[in-house]
Amino acid sequence: MARILKVGQFGHTFTRGMEEYVKTVEQRTHHVSEGTIKLWRSITLFVAFPIIGLAMANCYLKHQEEHSKPPPEFVHYPYLKIMNKPFPWGDGKHSLFHNPRINYIPGIGYEEQH
């Protein structure tokens, strides 16, 4: 049969060993040495910033490479571009956030070429 704890014992289970974790203010404060400050400043300046710069250059070059390619051929699947009624603005074929270079219009195709 399971042992039932009394109310006083139940509260004691959560506070048991709390003295091990509670430290004085002097023990909790950690003074940073000048060597540690210089180390992290050097890591930031000579490692982190160059890596961020290389990542930015990589993103820019990938972005330029992607925009130089023509858009993929549109494959008409029967479940795509289903319009039961036209949009209430313009000619009814353009969505609200239409991009003429990216969005394909059924029956017309791409409005602008890259």
C-alpha atoms as a PDB file:
ATOM      1  CA  MET A   1       0.000   0.000   0.000  1.00  0.00           C
ATOM      2  CA  ALA A   2       1.273   3.436  -0.881  1.00  0.00           C
ATOM      3  CA  ARG A   3       2.611   5.516   1.928  1.00  0.00           C
ATOM      4  CA  ILE A   4       0.624   8.699   2.514  1.00  0.00           C
ATOM      5  CA  LEU A   5       2.670  11.723   3.519  1.00  0.00           C
ATOM      6  CA  LYS A   6       1.448  14.019   6.220  1.00  0.00           C
ATOM      7  CA  VAL A   7       1.020  17.704   5.420  1.00  0.00           C
ATOM      8  CA  GLY A   8       4.243  18.667   7.188  1.00  0.00           C
ATOM      9  CA  GLN A   9       6.220  15.974   5.431  1.00  0.00           C
ATOM     10  CA  PHE A  10       4.831  16.952   2.026  1.00  0.00           C
ATOM     11  CA  GLY A  11       6.087  20.516   2.388  1.00  0.00           C
ATOM     12  CA  HIS A  12       9.430  19.244   3.590  1.00  0.00           C
ATOM     13  CA  THR A  13      10.008  17.306   0.353  1.00  0.00           C
ATOM     14  CA  PHE A  14      10.215  20.528  -1.647  1.00  0.00           C
ATOM     15  CA  THR A  15      12.473  22.374   0.771  1.00  0.00           C
ATOM     16  CA  ARG A  16      14.819  19.483   1.433  1.00  0.00           C
ATOM     17  CA  GLY A  17      18.302  20.337   0.288  1.00  0.00           C
ATOM     18  CA  MET A  18      17.477  23.992  -0.299  1.00  0.00           C
ATOM     19  CA  GLU A  19      20.401  24.993   1.883  1.00  0.00           C
ATOM     20  CA  GLU A  20      22.710  23.497  -0.730  1.00  0.00           C
ATOM     21  CA  TYR A  21      21.423  25.867  -3.391  1.00  0.00           C
ATOM     22  CA  VAL A  22      21.083  29.062  -1.413  1.00  0.00           C
ATOM     23  CA  LYS A  23      24.337  30.979  -1.361  1.00  0.00           C
ATOM     24  CA  THR A  24      25.366  34.192   0.234  1.00  0.00           C
ATOM     25  CA  VAL A  25      25.718  37.368  -1.777  1.00  0.00           C
ATOM     26  CA  GLU A  26      29.484  37.107  -1.685  1.00  0.00           C
ATOM     27  CA  GLN A  27      29.411  33.596  -3.095  1.00  0.00           C
ATOM     28  CA  ARG A  28      26.982  34.534  -5.898  1.00  0.00           C
ATOM     29  CA  THR A  29      28.922  37.501  -7.240  1.00  0.00           C
ATOM     30  CA  HIS A  30      31.570  36.699  -9.781  1.00  0.00           C
ATOM     31  CA  HIS A  31      34.104  39.330 -10.646  1.00  0.00           C
ATOM     32  CA  VAL A  32      35.208  39.277 -14.269  1.00  0.00           C
ATOM     33  CA  SER A  33      38.926  39.558 -14.811  1.00  0.00           C
ATOM     34  CA  GLU A  34      40.545  41.786 -17.421  1.00  0.00           C
ATOM     35  CA  GLY A  35      41.799  38.717 -19.264  1.00  0.00           C
ATOM     36  CA  THR A  36      38.255  37.463 -19.770  1.00  0.00           C
ATOM     37  CA  ILE A  37      37.133  40.852 -21.061  1.00  0.00           C
ATOM     38  CA  LYS A  38      40.025  40.998 -23.536  1.00  0.00           C
ATOM     39  CA  LEU A  39      39.356  37.422 -24.672  1.00  0.00           C
ATOM     40  CA  TRP A  40      35.689  38.034 -25.459  1.00  0.00           C
ATOM     41  CA  ARG A  41      36.429  41.397 -27.083  1.00  0.00           C
ATOM     42  CA  SER A  42      38.984  39.687 -29.337  1.00  0.00           C
ATOM     43  CA  ILE A  43      36.582  36.850 -30.157  1.00  0.00           C
ATOM     44  CA  THR A  44      33.889  39.383 -31.038  1.00  0.00           C
ATOM     45  CA  LEU A  45      36.122  41.559 -33.207  1.00  0.00           C
ATOM     46  CA  PHE A  46      38.196  38.905 -34.959  1.00  0.00           C
ATOM     47  CA  VAL A  47      35.787  35.964 -35.161  1.00  0.00           C
ATOM     48  CA  ALA A  48      32.154  37.050 -34.872  1.00  0.00           C
ATOM     49  CA  PHE A  49      32.215  40.166 -37.064  1.00  0.00           C
ATOM     50  CA  PRO A  50      34.110  38.493 -39.951  1.00  0.00           C
ATOM     51  CA  ILE A  51      31.715  35.531 -39.836  1.00  0.00           C
ATOM     52  CA  ILE A  52      28.745  37.912 -39.957  1.00  0.00           C
ATOM     53  CA  GLY A  53      30.355  39.729 -42.903  1.00  0.00           C
ATOM     54  CA  LEU A  54      30.939  36.465 -44.770  1.00  0.00           C
ATOM     55  CA  ALA A  55      27.356  35.386 -44.132  1.00  0.00           C
ATOM     56  CA  MET A  56      26.088  38.728 -45.471  1.00  0.00           C
ATOM     57  CA  ALA A  57      28.233  38.395 -48.605  1.00  0.00           C
ATOM     58  CA  ASN A  58      27.022  34.824 -49.110  1.00  0.00           C
ATOM     59  CA  CYS A  59      23.370  35.883 -48.822  1.00  0.00           C
ATOM     60  CA  TYR A  60      23.887  38.777 -51.241  1.00  0.00           C
ATOM     61  CA  LEU A  61      25.597  36.596 -53.849  1.00  0.00           C
ATOM     62  CA  LYS A  62      22.933  33.869 -53.575  1.00  0.00           C
ATOM     63  CA  HIS A  63      20.245  36.534 -53.931  1.00  0.00           C
ATOM     64  CA  GLN A  64      21.884  37.940 -57.077  1.00  0.00           C
ATOM     65  CA  GLU A  65      22.313  34.439 -58.506  1.00  0.00           C
ATOM     66  CA  GLU A  66      18.657  33.615 -57.921  1.00  0.00           C
ATOM     67  CA  HIS A  67      17.434  36.789 -59.610  1.00  0.00           C
ATOM     68  CA  SER A  68      19.557  36.156 -62.705  1.00  0.00           C
ATOM     69  CA  LYS A  69      17.724  32.898 -63.447  1.00  0.00           C
ATOM     70  CA  PRO A  70      14.492  32.932 -65.472  1.00  0.00           C
ATOM     71  CA  PRO A  71      11.337  31.858 -63.668  1.00  0.00           C
ATOM     72  CA  PRO A  72      10.493  28.169 -63.862  1.00  0.00           C
ATOM     73  CA  GLU A  73       8.041  26.946 -66.459  1.00  0.00           C
ATOM     74  CA  PHE A  74       4.511  27.026 -65.158  1.00  0.00           C
ATOM     75  CA  VAL A  75       2.952  23.581 -64.981  1.00  0.00           C
ATOM     76  CA  HIS A  76      -0.819  23.741 -64.941  1.00  0.00           C
ATOM     77  CA  TYR A  77      -2.196  21.283 -62.431  1.00  0.00           C
ATOM     78  CA  PRO A  78      -5.989  21.037 -62.240  1.00  0.00           C
ATOM     79  CA  TYR A  79      -6.045  21.923 -58.538  1.00  0.00           C
ATOM     80  CA  LEU A  80      -4.066  25.159 -58.981  1.00  0.00           C
ATOM     81  CA  LYS A  81      -5.437  28.585 -59.853  1.00  0.00           C
ATOM     82  CA  ILE A  82      -9.079  27.640 -59.348  1.00  0.00           C
ATOM     83  CA  MET A  83     -11.151  30.831 -59.565  1.00  0.00           C
ATOM     84  CA  ASN A  84     -14.883  30.453 -59.014  1.00  0.00           C
ATOM     85  CA  LYS A  85     -15.451  34.193 -59.345  1.00  0.00           C
ATOM     86  CA  PRO A  86     -13.127  37.066 -60.266  1.00  0.00           C
ATOM     87  CA  PHE A  87     -11.451  39.307 -57.735  1.00  0.00           C
ATOM     88  CA  PRO A  88     -13.507  42.447 -56.944  1.00  0.00           C
ATOM     89  CA  TRP A  89     -10.747  44.823 -58.134  1.00  0.00           C
ATOM     90  CA  GLY A  90      -9.050  45.495 -61.444  1.00  0.00           C
ATOM     91  CA  ASP A  91      -9.663  42.991 -64.209  1.00  0.00           C
ATOM     92  CA  GLY A  92     -10.461  40.231 -61.697  1.00  0.00           C
ATOM     93  CA  LYS A  93      -7.426  38.083 -62.514  1.00  0.00           C
ATOM     94  CA  HIS A  94      -4.834  39.839 -60.364  1.00  0.00           C
ATOM     95  CA  SER A  95      -4.624  39.035 -56.653  1.00  0.00           C
ATOM     96  CA  LEU A  96      -4.337  41.812 -54.085  1.00  0.00           C
ATOM     97  CA  PHE A  97      -0.554  41.441 -53.717  1.00  0.00           C
ATOM     98  CA  HIS A  98       0.155  40.597 -57.353  1.00  0.00           C
ATOM     99  CA  ASN A  99       3.753  40.642 -58.572  1.00  0.00           C
ATOM    100  CA  PRO A 100       3.924  40.705 -62.391  1.00  0.00           C
ATOM    101  CA  ARG A 101       7.375  39.077 -62.446  1.00  0.00           C
ATOM    102  CA  ILE A 102       6.565  36.148 -60.136  1.00  0.00           C
ATOM    103  CA  ASN A 103       2.831  35.452 -60.226  1.00  0.00           C
ATOM    104  CA  TYR A 104       1.432  33.474 -63.131  1.00  0.00           C
ATOM    105  CA  ILE A 105      -1.975  34.466 -64.494  1.00  0.00           C
ATOM    106  CA  PRO A 106      -4.056  31.668 -66.026  1.00  0.00           C
ATOM    107  CA  GLY A 107      -4.571  32.244 -69.733  1.00  0.00           C
ATOM    108  CA  ILE A 108      -2.007  35.069 -69.869  1.00  0.00           C
ATOM    109  CA  GLY A 109       1.184  33.753 -68.276  1.00  0.00           C
ATOM    110  CA  TYR A 110       3.857  35.933 -66.702  1.00  0.00           C
ATOM    111  CA  GLU A 111       3.301  39.635 -67.432  1.00  0.00           C
ATOM    112  CA  GLU A 112       6.982  40.623 -67.199  1.00  0.00           C
ATOM    113  CA  GLN A 113      10.030  38.597 -68.051  1.00  0.00           C
ATOM    114  CA  HIS A 114      13.210  38.708 -65.983  1.00  0.00           C
END
